[in-house]
C-alpha atoms as a PDB file:
ATOM      1  CA  UNK A   1     105.606 159.180  93.822  1.00  0.00           C
ATOM      2  CA  UNK A   2     103.177 162.093  93.764  1.00  0.00           C
ATOM      3  CA  UNK A   3     105.139 165.113  93.522  1.00  0.00           C
ATOM      4  CA  UNK A   4     102.165 167.745  93.991  1.00  0.00           C
ATOM      5  CA  UNK A   5     102.172 169.979  97.347  1.00  0.00           C
ATOM      6  CA  UNK A   6     100.893 167.928 100.486  1.00  0.00           C
ATOM      7  CA  UNK A   7      98.487 169.313 102.861  1.00  0.00           C
ATOM      8  CA  UNK A   8      96.919 170.844  99.847  1.00  0.00           C
ATOM      9  CA  UNK A   9      93.195 170.253  99.583  1.00  0.00           C
ATOM     10  CA  UNK A  10      93.978 167.310 101.724  1.00  0.00           C
ATOM     11  CA  UNK A  11      90.664 164.651 102.362  1.00  0.00           C
ATOM     12  CA  UNK A  12      91.285 161.729 104.000  1.00  0.00           C
ATOM     13  CA  UNK A  13      91.205 159.946 101.560  1.00  0.00           C
ATOM     14  CA  UNK A  14      94.207 161.696  99.969  1.00  0.00           C
ATOM     15  CA  UNK A  15      95.688 161.181 103.465  1.00  0.00           C
ATOM     16  CA  UNK A  16      94.801 157.675 103.234  1.00  0.00           C
ATOM     17  CA  UNK A  17      96.822 157.152  99.530  1.00  0.00           C
ATOM     18  CA  UNK A  18      99.397 159.321 101.085  1.00  0.00           C
ATOM     19  CA  UNK A  19     100.815 157.266 104.340  1.00  0.00           C
ATOM     20  CA  UNK A  20     100.047 154.189 102.119  1.00  0.00           C
ATOM     21  CA  UNK A  21     102.769 155.604  99.148  1.00  0.00           C
ATOM     22  CA  UNK A  22     105.363 156.892 102.320  1.00  0.00           C
ATOM     23  CA  UNK A  23     104.779 153.367 104.978  1.00  0.00           C
ATOM     24  CA  UNK A  24     103.176 150.774 103.122  1.00  0.00           C
ATOM     25  CA  UNK A  25     105.678 148.295 103.004  1.00  0.00           C
ATOM     26  CA  UNK A  26     106.757 149.319 106.604  1.00  0.00           C
ATOM     27  CA  UNK A  27     103.082 148.737 107.293  1.00  0.00           C
ATOM     28  CA  UNK A  28     102.451 145.453 105.950  1.00  0.00           C
ATOM     29  CA  UNK A  29     105.446 143.590 107.139  1.00  0.00           C
ATOM     30  CA  UNK A  30     104.478 145.146 110.790  1.00  0.00           C
ATOM     31  CA  UNK A  31     100.862 144.029 109.929  1.00  0.00           C
ATOM     32  CA  UNK A  32      97.381 145.003 111.974  1.00  0.00           C
ATOM     33  CA  UNK A  33      98.811 143.991 115.300  1.00  0.00           C
ATOM     34  CA  UNK A  34     101.513 145.901 115.928  1.00  0.00           C
ATOM     35  CA  UNK A  35     100.214 148.634 113.990  1.00  0.00           C
ATOM     36  CA  UNK A  36      97.362 148.827 117.035  1.00  0.00           C
ATOM     37  CA  UNK A  37     100.076 149.271 119.266  1.00  0.00           C
ATOM     38  CA  UNK A  38     100.779 152.274 117.907  1.00  0.00           C
ATOM     39  CA  UNK A  39      98.289 153.261 117.669  1.00  0.00           C
ATOM     40  CA  UNK A  40      97.454 153.009 121.002  1.00  0.00           C
ATOM     41  CA  UNK A  41     100.659 154.390 122.073  1.00  0.00           C
ATOM     42  CA  UNK A  42     100.125 157.295 120.475  1.00  0.00           C
ATOM     43  CA  UNK A  43      96.474 157.816 122.256  1.00  0.00           C
ATOM     44  CA  UNK A  44      98.635 157.752 125.189  1.00  0.00           C
ATOM     45  CA  UNK A  45     100.739 160.714 123.915  1.00  0.00           C
ATOM     46  CA  UNK A  46      96.963 162.860 122.863  1.00  0.00           C
ATOM     47  CA  UNK A  47      96.247 162.292 126.544  1.00  0.00           C
ATOM     48  CA  UNK A  48      99.423 163.810 128.111  1.00  0.00           C
ATOM     49  CA  UNK A  49      99.137 166.643 125.269  1.00  0.00           C
ATOM     50  CA  UNK A  50      95.592 167.124 126.602  1.00  0.00           C
ATOM     51  CA  UNK A  51      96.838 166.890 129.976  1.00  0.00           C
ATOM     52  CA  UNK A  52      99.752 169.313 129.816  1.00  0.00           C
ATOM     53  CA  UNK A  53     100.862 169.952 125.905  1.00  0.00           C
ATOM     54  CA  UNK A  54     100.832 173.644 124.230  1.00  0.00           C
ATOM     55  CA  UNK A  55      98.303 173.983 121.923  1.00  0.00           C
ATOM     56  CA  UNK A  56     101.388 172.602 118.936  1.00  0.00           C
ATOM     57  CA  UNK A  57     101.642 169.316 120.493  1.00  0.00           C
ATOM     58  CA  UNK A  58      98.011 168.631 120.558  1.00  0.00           C
ATOM     59  CA  UNK A  59      97.875 169.650 117.241  1.00  0.00           C
ATOM     60  CA  UNK A  60     100.786 167.390 116.577  1.00  0.00           C
ATOM     61  CA  UNK A  61      99.684 164.299 118.303  1.00  0.00           C
ATOM     62  CA  UNK A  62      96.270 164.082 117.001  1.00  0.00           C
ATOM     63  CA  UNK A  63      97.813 164.390 113.483  1.00  0.00           C
ATOM     64  CA  UNK A  64      99.639 161.459 115.257  1.00  0.00           C
ATOM     65  CA  UNK A  65      96.376 159.781 115.932  1.00  0.00           C
ATOM     66  CA  UNK A  66      94.888 160.335 112.571  1.00  0.00           C
ATOM     67  CA  UNK A  67      98.563 159.105 110.842  1.00  0.00           C
ATOM     68  CA  UNK A  68      98.152 155.713 112.224  1.00  0.00           C
ATOM     69  CA  UNK A  69      94.415 155.302 112.370  1.00  0.00           C
ATOM     70  CA  UNK A  70      94.529 155.741 108.568  1.00  0.00           C
ATOM     71  CA  UNK A  71      98.102 152.874 108.636  1.00  0.00           C
ATOM     72  CA  UNK A  72      95.601 150.381 110.094  1.00  0.00           C
ATOM     73  CA  UNK A  73      93.349 150.850 107.623  1.00  0.00           C
ATOM     74  CA  UNK A  74      95.314 150.868 104.992  1.00  0.00           C
ATOM     75  CA  UNK A  75      96.595 147.381 106.457  1.00  0.00           C
ATOM     76  CA  UNK A  76      93.051 146.112 107.172  1.00  0.00           C
ATOM     77  CA  UNK A  77      91.872 147.509 103.110  1.00  0.00           C
ATOM     78  CA  UNK A  78      89.157 149.976 104.912  1.00  0.00           C
ATOM     79  CA  UNK A  79      88.334 153.296 102.500  1.00  0.00           C
ATOM     80  CA  UNK A  80      88.217 155.504 105.353  1.00  0.00           C
ATOM     81  CA  UNK A  81      86.291 157.901 103.266  1.00  0.00           C
ATOM     82  CA  UNK A  82      83.825 155.628 102.518  1.00  0.00           C
ATOM     83  CA  UNK A  83      82.869 154.637 106.494  1.00  0.00           C
ATOM     84  CA  UNK A  84      82.956 158.291 107.198  1.00  0.00           C
ATOM     85  CA  UNK A  85      80.920 158.602 104.550  1.00  0.00           C
ATOM     86  CA  UNK A  86      78.250 155.900 104.991  1.00  0.00           C
ATOM     87  CA  UNK A  87      77.742 155.879 109.087  1.00  0.00           C
ATOM     88  CA  UNK A  88      77.414 160.256 108.877  1.00  0.00           C
ATOM     89  CA  UNK A  89      77.095 160.924 105.862  1.00  0.00           C
ATOM     90  CA  UNK A  90      73.357 162.092 105.841  1.00  0.00           C
ATOM     91  CA  UNK A  91      73.336 163.212 109.201  1.00  0.00           C
ATOM     92  CA  UNK A  92      74.011 162.031 113.287  1.00  0.00           C
ATOM     93  CA  UNK A  93      73.737 157.454 112.720  1.00  0.00           C
ATOM     94  CA  UNK A  94      71.637 157.432 116.736  1.00  0.00           C
ATOM     95  CA  UNK A  95      68.547 160.191 115.882  1.00  0.00           C
ATOM     96  CA  UNK A  96      69.735 160.584 112.139  1.00  0.00           C
ATOM     97  CA  UNK A  97      69.018 164.422 111.920  1.00  0.00           C
ATOM     98  CA  UNK A  98      71.778 166.678 110.122  1.00  0.00           C
ATOM     99  CA  UNK A  99      71.671 168.194 113.809  1.00  0.00           C
ATOM    100  CA  UNK A 100      71.979 165.738 116.455  1.00  0.00           C
ATOM    101  CA  UNK A 101      69.387 165.252 118.856  1.00  0.00           C
ATOM    102  CA  UNK A 102      70.199 162.495 121.118  1.00  0.00           C
ATOM    103  CA  UNK A 103      70.366 162.354 124.554  1.00  0.00           C
ATOM    104  CA  UNK A 104      73.795 164.210 125.336  1.00  0.00           C
ATOM    105  CA  UNK A 105      74.151 160.980 128.130  1.00  0.00           C
ATOM    106  CA  UNK A 106      73.805 158.750 125.112  1.00  0.00           C
ATOM    107  CA  UNK A 107      76.568 157.615 122.353  1.00  0.00           C
ATOM    108  CA  UNK A 108      75.142 158.003 119.227  1.00  0.00           C
END
């Protein structure tokens, strides 16, 4: 196990590796369908925190959603850092500008 302090300069790739190290065997055994259900449950908890939670509860639920998304990516072999760089690294995927000029009513 990596003995470096967690959180110091943690990148998305670093988070993905950390989650894999901590939970990889459990995650593989659970599979993607069950992991997606856990991710969905975390979205519900995030919705509750958005509606009536404290700032700390909201932040922790956002962290949970991200961790379960990373878990799903690990199970399916997706490098999230590379995927994010490919999709958003040169600007908005819709208008291709660094500062998005897409119609606000449309999803880029």
